Each structure stands twice: as C-alpha cells, then as structure tokens.
Amino acid sequence: MSKLLEKRPLFIASFIIRLVLVGYGEYQDRTMVVKFTDIDYHVFTDAARFITKGESPYNRSTYRYTPLLAWLLTPNVYLSPMYGKLLFITCDVLSGLLIYHILRLRGLPSQVACRVCSLWLLNPLPIGVSSRGNAESLLAALVLGTLLCMEGRRLVWAAMLYGLSVHMKIYPVTYALPFALVLRTPPEGGMEGGSRKEGWLWRGRRVLGFLRSLLSRDLLLFATVAGGVFGGLNLLFYHMYGWEFLQETYLYHLTRRDTRHNFSPYFYMLYLTADSPWSLWLGLAAFLPQLVLLLQASWSYHQDLGLCCFLHTALFVSFNKVCTSQYFLWYLCLLPVVIPGLSLSPRRGGGLLLLWFAGQGIWLGPAYFLEFEGYNTFLLIWLAGLLFLVINCYILIQIIVHYRPAQTTIRLKTE
C-alpha cells in the first residue's frame, strides 16, 4: 500500500482505474437497461455534432454551457464517442497533479503530498463523475491551476486560467475579491493606524488608502489579462451565436429554479411561489446571504488563498438556490489543499465525514419516494435540505476553528 502512495505509481494507478471504468461503462451502456454514461455527456456530444454541421450548439435543447465545451468535444464526432470521457479523466488526474504541486509549494514533503493527493485521486466520487462523462473535472483543473499559479506568483498564467475558468462556469468569479486583496499594494503603516478620535476624517483616510492600494501593478495586470480572456471569449461567441449564447450560458443560471432534485434551502419556497409574480425577485434575493458570507470570508481569510477559495466555494454551493450533488466537487477538489493545515484528530475528521454522508442519506430517502414512488415528500425533502445545510455549516466552522495556515511558501524546481 505504501508503494501505491508514491508519486508515479499513484498517478499511473489513478489513471488506469478511471480508464478501466470508462471501458466498463461502454459495456454497461450496450448490455444493460440502466446506463452508465451521464445524460449530460450525450447533450455535450449532440451539441458538438451541431457544430460540425455548421449550426449552433444551442440547437440541442438543455445545452446550457459555453460553446467552447462543445467545440472541445468535436472529436467525439470526428474520432470516437469516448474522446470526451478520456479528456475528462485526464483532467481529473491532472487536478490531482496540481494539488500535489500546490502542497509541495507550501512546503510539504513529497510523500506527505502524495498521501493527501490520494484523497482526490482515489476518491470514488470524482472517479465516478469523470468516468461517466461529466465535465466538472475540466473546471477543477482550471481552478486548481489558477490557485497554483497565484501561489507561485505567475500572475499572467493565473489570470489567463482564471478568465477561462469564469468563462467555463460563472461561480469562480467569487474568487475575484480575495485575489484582489492579495494582489493589492500593502497599506502603509500610517494608513492602517491613526487615532479613532479623528472620526469621519480617519475613516475617510482609511477608505481612500484602501482604494489606492487596489491600483497596484500586479492587480491591474491580473485584471487586464483575466478580463481580456473572459471578455474576448464572450465577444467571440456572441459574434458567432448571438443573444442565445448569453442567455443559455449565463443569464439562465441567474433565474434557474430546480424544485425537485435539490439540496438548496430555498427550493421549497421557490417551488411554492413558482407562479407568483414575485418569483423572479425571490430567486434573485436568494443571492443576498451568499453575498454577505462571501464578502466576510474574503476579508477574513484572503491571506490563505487555499482556505479562502475552499470556503468561498463551499459557502456558494451550500447557500445557492440550486444545489445538486455534482456541485460538491467544486469544493471537494480544494479540500486536499486545506487538509494539511487542520489540527483535527483522525477520529474527529472521520466523524465529520460520516456526518456529511449521513446528511445526504437523510435527504435521499424522501427524494427517492418523490421521484420513484410518486409520494408528495416536498416538505420532508426541504427539511432534510435544511438539516444538510446545518451540517455543512457545522463542518465549515470546525475547519475554520482547527485550521493552522502554512507558515511559508517555497518555489520548487520542476520535478
């Protein structure tokens, strides 16, 4: 077992496991009633097929992603339907490699970094999701690549990857504030000090000092490159596909409501008010708690980007008005970056993990009876979702309380 957790055997074994599962999935799809491949993978492939015909990917109903994803998957049509799955499992293993380099950059020995990486590489959840043809591994690799470049102070690369990740899926835009706080010019000693007896004059100086600190060279460079990548891609696809691109890729998700398979604490309210004239405004108001929590997390924890991005993503997912199980991967890919800084005992950590799974299990009970037995269990699903939210908040509090940030970040030669 110790041999498996060495770097080369670990990554080779991780890729082989995913490759075998992809092969098994092809067998199950051909021979069994219950299919292995994620339904979204067929949506991606159909959208790519429309592109090969010179048509819009949005001719495929329910395709609500950037056209870039469909363009990336055109080899599904030209070469093999398995191409996309091979791309996704490669990005999944690449995410593990990026986690490894982040941990090494933070000063962890190679053997310890490999053990922590195994929590992602040998985790059944990302293995299953990527092998079934879900594209979340693409975004995980982009986010982790951005974090690695930020911590290594490779700002141009970080900005390019960040702009691309926000284009692929909008939620990483929440990292903009902690990135800005990290890249701003450190305030002068006199600006942070001063006597509070000066009242409004003292506060005004602090505000002006903060705004002035945002005009740093590093921050302006990062914002220019990231904005250029994000804006350039959007302009290109708007030119190609018009308003439909903006509607399906971004605007749809602002007003989206999922009233069935949903862990969100808001789903029952949105279900009951679906026909109300206030429904749209209630959906938009659901972003307010997210905004408050993300602002607080940014200001309090931006000095440790790994922890801050993890908290940002976990809070965004937990308090989102739509929350499905695949969203959990958005923050689980960042958890290995945080784990080495935790002072939790293995027993306590295992207890929190069991609690997290128990919360999902409690929710899945009434969800099963609604979906497969036809019983009206909406209220029970909502109550289970509220319990799961409480569990997630408790776990996040435990992580914050028991986190000890890394003392140094070192630059390493390429291994």
Protein backbone atom coordinates (compact mmCIF):
# COMPACT_ATOMS: atom_id res chain seq x y z
CA MET A 1 0.00 0.00 0.00
CA SER A 2 2.86 2.39 0.82
CA LYS A 3 4.30 1.69 -2.66
CA LEU A 4 0.99 2.71 -4.23
CA LEU A 5 1.13 6.08 -2.48
CA GLU A 6 4.43 7.01 -4.11
CA LYS A 7 4.07 9.64 -6.80
CA ARG A 8 4.49 7.68 -10.04
CA PRO A 9 2.55 4.51 -9.03
CA LEU A 10 -0.22 6.66 -7.51
CA PHE A 11 -0.86 8.68 -10.66
CA ILE A 12 -0.50 5.71 -13.00
CA ALA A 13 -2.90 3.63 -10.90
CA SER A 14 -5.37 6.53 -10.69
CA PHE A 15 -5.45 6.91 -14.46
CA ILE A 16 -5.77 3.14 -15.04
CA ILE A 17 -8.69 2.90 -12.60
CA ARG A 18 -10.54 5.63 -14.48
CA LEU A 19 -9.65 4.10 -17.85
CA VAL A 20 -10.99 0.69 -16.79
CA LEU A 21 -14.18 2.32 -15.53
CA VAL A 22 -14.67 4.13 -18.86
CA GLY A 23 -14.29 0.78 -20.65
CA TYR A 24 -16.75 -0.87 -18.29
CA GLY A 25 -19.17 1.99 -18.87
CA GLU A 26 -19.16 1.29 -22.60
CA TYR A 27 -20.01 -2.35 -21.87
CA GLN A 28 -22.82 -1.42 -19.46
CA ASP A 29 -24.30 1.08 -21.91
CA ARG A 30 -24.51 -1.63 -24.59
CA THR A 31 -25.80 -4.50 -22.47
CA MET A 32 -27.88 -3.10 -19.58
CA VAL A 33 -31.08 -1.13 -19.18
CA VAL A 34 -29.54 1.23 -16.62
CA LYS A 35 -26.92 3.27 -18.47
CA PHE A 36 -23.53 4.19 -17.04
CA THR A 37 -22.90 7.35 -19.10
CA ASP A 38 -24.17 10.64 -17.70
CA ILE A 39 -27.07 12.08 -19.68
CA ASP A 40 -25.16 15.38 -19.93
CA TYR A 41 -22.46 13.62 -21.93
CA HIS A 42 -24.99 12.88 -24.66
CA VAL A 43 -26.06 16.54 -24.54
CA PHE A 44 -22.41 17.63 -24.99
CA THR A 45 -21.95 15.23 -27.91
CA ASP A 46 -25.16 16.33 -29.63
CA ALA A 47 -24.10 19.97 -29.28
CA ALA A 48 -20.69 19.12 -30.76
CA ARG A 49 -22.43 17.36 -33.66
CA PHE A 50 -24.41 20.52 -34.44
CA ILE A 51 -21.13 22.45 -34.52
CA THR A 52 -19.62 20.00 -37.03
CA LYS A 53 -22.64 20.75 -39.26
CA GLY A 54 -22.02 24.49 -39.02
CA GLU A 55 -25.00 25.04 -36.74
CA SER A 56 -25.41 26.42 -33.21
CA PRO A 57 -24.76 24.07 -30.24
CA TYR A 58 -27.89 25.58 -28.68
CA ASN A 59 -29.98 23.76 -31.25
CA ARG A 60 -29.61 20.93 -28.76
CA SER A 61 -32.25 21.51 -26.09
CA THR A 62 -30.94 21.67 -22.50
CA TYR A 63 -27.41 22.59 -23.66
CA ARG A 64 -26.70 25.50 -21.31
CA TYR A 65 -22.94 25.72 -21.32
CA THR A 66 -20.31 27.73 -23.14
CA PRO A 67 -19.89 26.79 -26.82
CA LEU A 68 -16.21 26.24 -26.00
CA LEU A 69 -17.11 22.94 -24.33
CA ALA A 70 -18.93 21.72 -27.44
CA TRP A 71 -16.01 22.81 -29.61
CA LEU A 72 -13.59 20.89 -27.36
CA LEU A 73 -15.71 17.77 -27.82
CA THR A 74 -15.99 17.81 -31.62
CA PRO A 75 -13.51 14.87 -31.71
CA ASN A 76 -16.43 12.89 -30.21
CA VAL A 77 -17.92 13.14 -33.70
CA TYR A 78 -14.78 13.01 -35.83
CA LEU A 79 -12.75 10.42 -33.88
CA SER A 80 -14.57 8.46 -31.20
CA PRO A 81 -17.51 8.95 -28.80
CA MET A 82 -15.10 8.04 -25.99
CA TYR A 83 -12.83 11.03 -26.62
CA GLY A 84 -14.65 13.32 -24.18
CA LYS A 85 -14.51 10.79 -21.37
CA LEU A 86 -10.77 10.33 -21.93
CA LEU A 87 -10.38 14.12 -21.80
CA PHE A 88 -12.36 14.34 -18.56
CA ILE A 89 -10.49 11.56 -16.75
CA THR A 90 -7.19 13.10 -17.88
CA CYS A 91 -8.26 16.44 -16.37
CA ASP A 92 -9.32 14.58 -13.23
CA VAL A 93 -5.83 13.10 -12.80
CA LEU A 94 -4.31 16.44 -13.79
CA SER A 95 -6.27 18.00 -10.91
CA GLY A 96 -4.53 15.59 -8.57
CA LEU A 97 -1.16 16.60 -10.01
CA LEU A 98 -1.97 20.27 -9.49
CA ILE A 99 -2.96 19.54 -5.88
CA TYR A 100 0.40 17.80 -5.44
CA HIS A 101 2.34 20.82 -6.72
CA ILE A 102 0.33 23.24 -4.56
CA LEU A 103 1.15 21.16 -1.49
CA ARG A 104 4.84 20.94 -2.45
CA LEU A 105 4.86 24.71 -2.97
CA ARG A 106 3.53 25.03 0.58
CA GLY A 107 6.49 23.03 1.89
CA LEU A 108 5.06 19.53 2.31
CA PRO A 109 7.40 16.56 1.69
CA SER A 110 6.67 14.61 -1.49
CA GLN A 111 5.45 11.52 0.38
CA VAL A 112 3.01 13.52 2.52
CA ALA A 113 1.78 15.44 -0.55
CA CYS A 114 1.10 12.14 -2.35
CA ARG A 115 -0.92 10.81 0.59
CA VAL A 116 -3.06 13.94 0.61
CA CYS A 117 -3.45 13.79 -3.20
CA SER A 118 -4.75 10.24 -2.88
CA LEU A 119 -7.84 11.67 -1.14
CA TRP A 120 -8.76 13.07 -4.56
CA LEU A 121 -7.15 10.60 -6.94
CA LEU A 122 -8.59 7.51 -5.22
CA ASN A 123 -11.88 9.12 -4.22
CA PRO A 124 -14.84 7.21 -5.73
CA LEU A 125 -16.87 10.39 -6.25
CA PRO A 126 -14.58 12.23 -8.72
CA ILE A 127 -13.59 8.89 -10.27
CA GLY A 128 -17.22 8.05 -11.00
CA VAL A 129 -18.22 11.54 -12.11
CA SER A 130 -15.40 11.96 -14.65
CA SER A 131 -15.66 8.37 -15.93
CA ARG A 132 -19.38 8.83 -16.62
CA GLY A 133 -18.68 11.82 -18.85
CA ASN A 134 -19.32 14.78 -16.57
CA ALA A 135 -17.26 17.88 -17.40
CA GLU A 136 -16.67 19.09 -13.81
CA SER A 137 -13.06 17.84 -13.91
CA LEU A 138 -12.28 20.47 -16.57
CA LEU A 139 -13.25 23.25 -14.20
CA ALA A 140 -11.47 21.62 -11.25
CA ALA A 141 -8.23 21.60 -13.25
CA LEU A 142 -8.68 25.26 -14.25
CA VAL A 143 -9.40 26.40 -10.69
CA LEU A 144 -6.50 24.43 -9.20
CA GLY A 145 -4.21 25.66 -11.97
CA THR A 146 -5.20 29.24 -11.15
CA LEU A 147 -4.51 28.67 -7.45
CA LEU A 148 -1.11 27.08 -8.17
CA CYS A 149 -0.06 30.00 -10.38
CA MET A 150 -1.33 32.54 -7.83
CA GLU A 151 0.68 30.97 -5.04
CA GLY A 152 3.71 30.68 -7.32
CA ARG A 153 3.27 34.36 -8.34
CA ARG A 154 2.94 33.51 -12.02
CA LEU A 155 0.31 36.18 -12.45
CA VAL A 156 -0.12 36.17 -16.23
CA TRP A 157 -0.76 32.42 -16.29
CA ALA A 158 -3.00 32.71 -13.23
CA ALA A 159 -5.02 35.47 -14.89
CA MET A 160 -5.39 33.53 -18.15
CA LEU A 161 -6.60 30.41 -16.35
CA TYR A 162 -8.89 32.45 -14.13
CA GLY A 163 -10.51 34.23 -17.08
CA LEU A 164 -11.01 30.88 -18.80
CA SER A 165 -12.47 29.25 -15.68
CA VAL A 166 -15.01 32.06 -15.19
CA HIS A 167 -15.97 31.74 -18.85
CA MET A 168 -16.49 27.98 -18.48
CA LYS A 169 -18.66 28.35 -15.38
CA ILE A 170 -19.54 31.57 -13.61
CA TYR A 171 -19.04 30.62 -9.94
CA PRO A 172 -15.23 31.21 -9.83
CA VAL A 173 -16.00 34.92 -10.27
CA THR A 174 -16.48 34.91 -6.49
CA TYR A 175 -12.69 34.50 -6.12
CA ALA A 176 -12.15 37.96 -7.62
CA LEU A 177 -12.27 39.78 -4.26
CA PRO A 178 -9.77 37.57 -2.38
CA PHE A 179 -7.45 37.67 -5.41
CA ALA A 180 -7.71 41.47 -5.42
CA LEU A 181 -7.00 41.67 -1.69
CA VAL A 182 -3.91 39.50 -2.12
CA LEU A 183 -2.56 41.43 -5.11
CA ARG A 184 -3.21 44.96 -3.83
CA THR A 185 -0.35 47.11 -2.58
CA PRO A 186 0.21 46.50 1.17
CA PRO A 187 -1.15 49.53 3.07
CA GLU A 188 1.31 51.91 4.65
CA GLY A 189 1.66 51.65 8.38
CA GLY A 190 0.26 55.11 8.98
CA MET A 191 -2.82 54.44 6.94
CA GLU A 192 -3.93 51.44 9.00
CA GLY A 193 -3.18 53.18 12.24
CA GLY A 194 -4.28 56.56 13.46
CA SER A 195 -6.48 57.71 16.27
CA ARG A 196 -10.14 56.82 16.20
CA LYS A 197 -10.85 60.19 17.77
CA GLU A 198 -10.38 61.69 14.32
CA GLY A 199 -13.83 60.29 13.46
CA TRP A 200 -15.01 60.63 9.87
CA LEU A 201 -11.68 62.07 8.75
CA TRP A 202 -9.85 58.94 9.96
CA ARG A 203 -12.39 56.68 8.28
CA GLY A 204 -12.18 58.64 5.07
CA ARG A 205 -8.42 58.28 5.01
CA ARG A 206 -8.72 54.53 5.52
CA VAL A 207 -11.20 54.21 2.66
CA LEU A 208 -9.01 56.30 0.35
CA GLY A 209 -5.98 54.27 1.40
CA PHE A 210 -7.77 51.03 0.62
CA LEU A 211 -8.90 52.27 -2.80
CA ARG A 212 -5.37 53.48 -3.55
CA SER A 213 -3.97 50.06 -2.63
CA LEU A 214 -6.13 48.50 -5.35
CA LEU A 215 -4.19 50.41 -8.00
CA SER A 216 -1.21 48.08 -7.68
CA ARG A 217 0.70 46.94 -10.75
CA ASP A 218 0.09 43.26 -10.01
CA LEU A 219 -3.65 43.71 -9.57
CA LEU A 220 -4.02 45.81 -12.71
CA LEU A 221 -2.02 43.24 -14.71
CA PHE A 222 -4.14 40.37 -13.38
CA ALA A 223 -7.43 42.18 -14.01
CA THR A 224 -6.40 43.20 -17.53
CA VAL A 225 -5.33 39.71 -18.61
CA ALA A 226 -8.22 37.88 -16.92
CA GLY A 227 -10.74 40.41 -18.21
CA GLY A 228 -9.23 40.19 -21.68
CA VAL A 229 -9.52 36.39 -21.78
CA PHE A 230 -13.06 36.38 -20.38
CA GLY A 231 -14.26 39.30 -22.49
CA GLY A 232 -12.52 38.08 -25.64
CA LEU A 233 -14.13 34.64 -25.48
CA ASN A 234 -17.54 36.15 -24.77
CA LEU A 235 -17.27 38.59 -27.66
CA LEU A 236 -16.19 35.79 -30.00
CA PHE A 237 -19.09 33.51 -29.09
CA TYR A 238 -21.58 36.38 -29.02
CA HIS A 239 -20.49 37.19 -32.57
CA MET A 240 -20.97 33.53 -33.55
CA TYR A 241 -24.20 32.69 -31.70
CA GLY A 242 -25.75 36.00 -30.64
CA TRP A 243 -28.01 36.61 -27.65
CA GLU A 244 -28.75 32.90 -27.31
CA PHE A 245 -25.16 32.37 -26.12
CA LEU A 246 -25.53 34.89 -23.27
CA GLN A 247 -28.98 33.62 -22.32
CA GLU A 248 -28.10 29.93 -22.15
CA THR A 249 -24.56 30.24 -20.76
CA TYR A 250 -25.04 32.91 -18.09
CA LEU A 251 -28.46 34.55 -17.74
CA TYR A 252 -30.35 31.27 -17.50
CA HIS A 253 -28.45 30.36 -14.33
CA LEU A 254 -29.43 33.62 -12.62
CA THR A 255 -33.13 32.79 -12.88
CA ARG A 256 -32.91 28.99 -12.82
CA ARG A 257 -35.14 27.15 -10.34
CA ASP A 258 -34.87 23.41 -9.64
CA THR A 259 -37.80 22.30 -7.49
CA ARG A 260 -37.16 18.56 -7.36
CA HIS A 261 -33.60 17.20 -7.11
CA ASN A 262 -32.27 19.97 -4.95
CA PHE A 263 -30.37 20.26 -1.66
CA SER A 264 -30.95 24.02 -1.60
CA PRO A 265 -32.62 25.57 1.47
CA TYR A 266 -34.62 27.76 -0.93
CA PHE A 267 -36.08 25.08 -3.18
CA TYR A 268 -39.41 24.66 -1.33
CA MET A 269 -40.02 28.41 -1.23
CA LEU A 270 -39.27 28.68 -4.94
CA TYR A 271 -41.49 25.64 -5.63
CA LEU A 272 -44.46 27.15 -3.76
CA THR A 273 -44.03 30.56 -5.40
CA ALA A 274 -43.34 29.28 -8.93
CA ASP A 275 -46.47 31.01 -10.28
CA SER A 276 -46.15 34.13 -8.16
CA PRO A 277 -45.28 37.48 -9.79
CA TRP A 278 -42.62 37.78 -7.07
CA SER A 279 -40.96 34.52 -8.01
CA LEU A 280 -38.15 36.10 -10.03
CA TRP A 281 -37.35 38.65 -7.32
CA LEU A 282 -37.37 35.97 -4.60
CA GLY A 283 -34.89 33.98 -6.67
CA LEU A 284 -32.60 36.98 -7.01
CA ALA A 285 -32.95 37.80 -3.28
CA ALA A 286 -31.59 34.32 -2.52
CA PHE A 287 -28.18 35.59 -3.63
CA LEU A 288 -28.04 38.10 -0.74
CA PRO A 289 -26.96 35.65 2.03
CA GLN A 290 -24.32 34.30 -0.35
CA LEU A 291 -23.01 37.78 -1.00
CA VAL A 292 -22.73 38.68 2.70
CA LEU A 293 -20.96 35.42 3.57
CA LEU A 294 -18.56 35.63 0.63
CA LEU A 295 -17.60 39.22 1.48
CA GLN A 296 -16.88 38.23 5.08
CA ALA A 297 -14.87 35.15 4.05
CA SER A 298 -12.86 37.20 1.56
CA TRP A 299 -11.89 39.84 4.09
CA SER A 300 -11.11 37.41 6.91
CA TYR A 301 -9.22 34.64 5.09
CA HIS A 302 -7.76 36.08 1.87
CA GLN A 303 -4.20 35.76 3.18
CA ASP A 304 -4.50 31.99 2.72
CA LEU A 305 -5.92 31.58 -0.78
CA GLY A 306 -6.35 27.81 -0.50
CA LEU A 307 -8.57 28.10 2.57
CA CYS A 308 -10.36 31.19 1.23
CA CYS A 309 -11.24 29.60 -2.12
CA PHE A 310 -12.42 26.45 -0.37
CA LEU A 311 -14.67 28.42 1.99
CA HIS A 312 -15.93 30.58 -0.88
CA THR A 313 -16.93 27.57 -2.94
CA ALA A 314 -18.46 25.63 -0.04
CA LEU A 315 -20.50 28.65 1.05
CA PHE A 316 -21.58 29.39 -2.52
CA VAL A 317 -22.75 25.81 -3.06
CA SER A 318 -24.42 25.40 0.36
CA PHE A 319 -26.42 28.63 0.12
CA ASN A 320 -27.13 28.50 -3.61
CA LYS A 321 -30.73 28.43 -4.79
CA VAL A 322 -29.86 25.33 -6.82
CA CYS A 323 -27.65 22.69 -5.24
CA THR A 324 -27.12 19.23 -6.72
CA SER A 325 -24.60 16.56 -5.75
CA GLN A 326 -22.22 17.29 -8.64
CA TYR A 327 -21.73 20.79 -7.23
CA PHE A 328 -19.96 19.20 -4.24
CA LEU A 329 -16.97 18.53 -6.49
CA TRP A 330 -16.47 22.27 -6.84
CA TYR A 331 -15.21 22.48 -3.26
CA LEU A 332 -14.05 18.89 -2.73
CA CYS A 333 -11.21 19.46 -5.23
CA LEU A 334 -9.94 22.25 -2.93
CA LEU A 335 -10.28 20.26 0.30
CA PRO A 336 -6.90 18.44 -0.07
CA VAL A 337 -5.20 21.85 -0.16
CA VAL A 338 -6.77 22.65 3.23
CA ILE A 339 -6.37 19.29 4.99
CA PRO A 340 -2.63 19.58 5.85
CA GLY A 341 -3.39 22.71 7.87
CA LEU A 342 -6.09 21.07 10.01
CA SER A 343 -5.38 20.06 13.60
CA LEU A 344 -8.37 17.71 13.70
CA SER A 345 -7.75 14.23 15.06
CA PRO A 346 -8.43 11.34 12.63
CA ARG A 347 -11.37 10.31 14.80
CA ARG A 348 -12.94 13.77 14.70
CA GLY A 349 -12.25 14.16 10.99
CA GLY A 350 -13.82 10.78 10.27
CA GLY A 351 -16.84 11.78 12.35
CA LEU A 352 -17.34 14.93 10.30
CA LEU A 353 -17.08 12.89 7.09
CA LEU A 354 -19.71 10.42 8.33
CA LEU A 355 -21.92 13.33 9.35
CA TRP A 356 -21.66 14.79 5.84
CA PHE A 357 -22.65 11.48 4.24
CA ALA A 358 -25.45 10.99 6.76
CA GLY A 359 -26.92 14.36 5.81
CA GLN A 360 -27.04 13.31 2.17
CA GLY A 361 -28.52 9.92 3.07
CA ILE A 362 -31.34 11.54 5.05
CA TRP A 363 -32.13 13.77 2.06
CA LEU A 364 -32.05 10.89 -0.43
CA GLY A 365 -34.78 8.99 1.46
CA PRO A 366 -37.70 11.35 0.76
CA ALA A 367 -36.19 12.26 -2.63
CA TYR A 368 -36.43 8.60 -3.66
CA PHE A 369 -40.10 8.36 -2.64
CA LEU A 370 -40.89 11.53 -4.57
CA GLU A 371 -39.11 10.56 -7.77
CA PHE A 372 -39.71 6.81 -7.97
CA GLU A 373 -42.83 6.18 -5.84
CA GLY A 374 -44.74 9.38 -6.61
CA TYR A 375 -45.33 10.41 -2.99
CA ASN A 376 -45.60 14.09 -2.09
CA THR A 377 -42.49 14.44 0.07
CA PHE A 378 -41.55 18.02 -0.85
CA LEU A 379 -41.76 19.21 2.76
CA LEU A 380 -39.60 16.34 4.01
CA ILE A 381 -37.03 16.99 1.27
CA TRP A 382 -36.89 20.65 2.28
CA LEU A 383 -36.46 19.80 5.97
CA ALA A 384 -33.72 17.32 5.08
CA GLY A 385 -32.07 20.02 2.98
CA LEU A 386 -32.15 22.42 5.94
CA LEU A 387 -30.54 19.74 8.11
CA PHE A 388 -27.85 19.22 5.48
CA LEU A 389 -27.21 22.98 5.43
CA VAL A 390 -26.76 22.97 9.22
CA ILE A 391 -24.36 20.03 8.91
CA ASN A 392 -22.34 21.81 6.23
CA CYS A 393 -22.15 24.98 8.32
CA TYR A 394 -21.01 22.98 11.36
CA ILE A 395 -18.30 21.27 9.32
CA LEU A 396 -17.08 24.59 7.92
CA ILE A 397 -16.95 26.05 11.43
CA GLN A 398 -14.86 23.08 12.60
CA ILE A 399 -12.49 23.53 9.66
CA ILE A 400 -12.06 27.24 10.40
CA VAL A 401 -11.51 26.69 14.13
CA HIS A 402 -8.97 23.90 13.66
CA TYR A 403 -7.09 25.39 10.69
CA ARG A 404 -3.46 26.39 11.12
CA PRO A 405 -2.19 28.19 8.00
CA ALA A 406 1.09 27.23 6.35
CA GLN A 407 3.95 29.38 7.52
CA THR A 408 5.95 29.53 4.28
CA THR A 409 5.50 29.13 0.56
CA ILE A 410 8.56 27.94 -1.35
CA ARG A 411 9.45 27.81 -5.02
CA LEU A 412 10.34 24.37 -6.31
CA LYS A 413 12.11 23.20 -9.42
CA THR A 414 10.07 21.11 -11.82
CA GLU A 415 10.12 17.51 -10.64
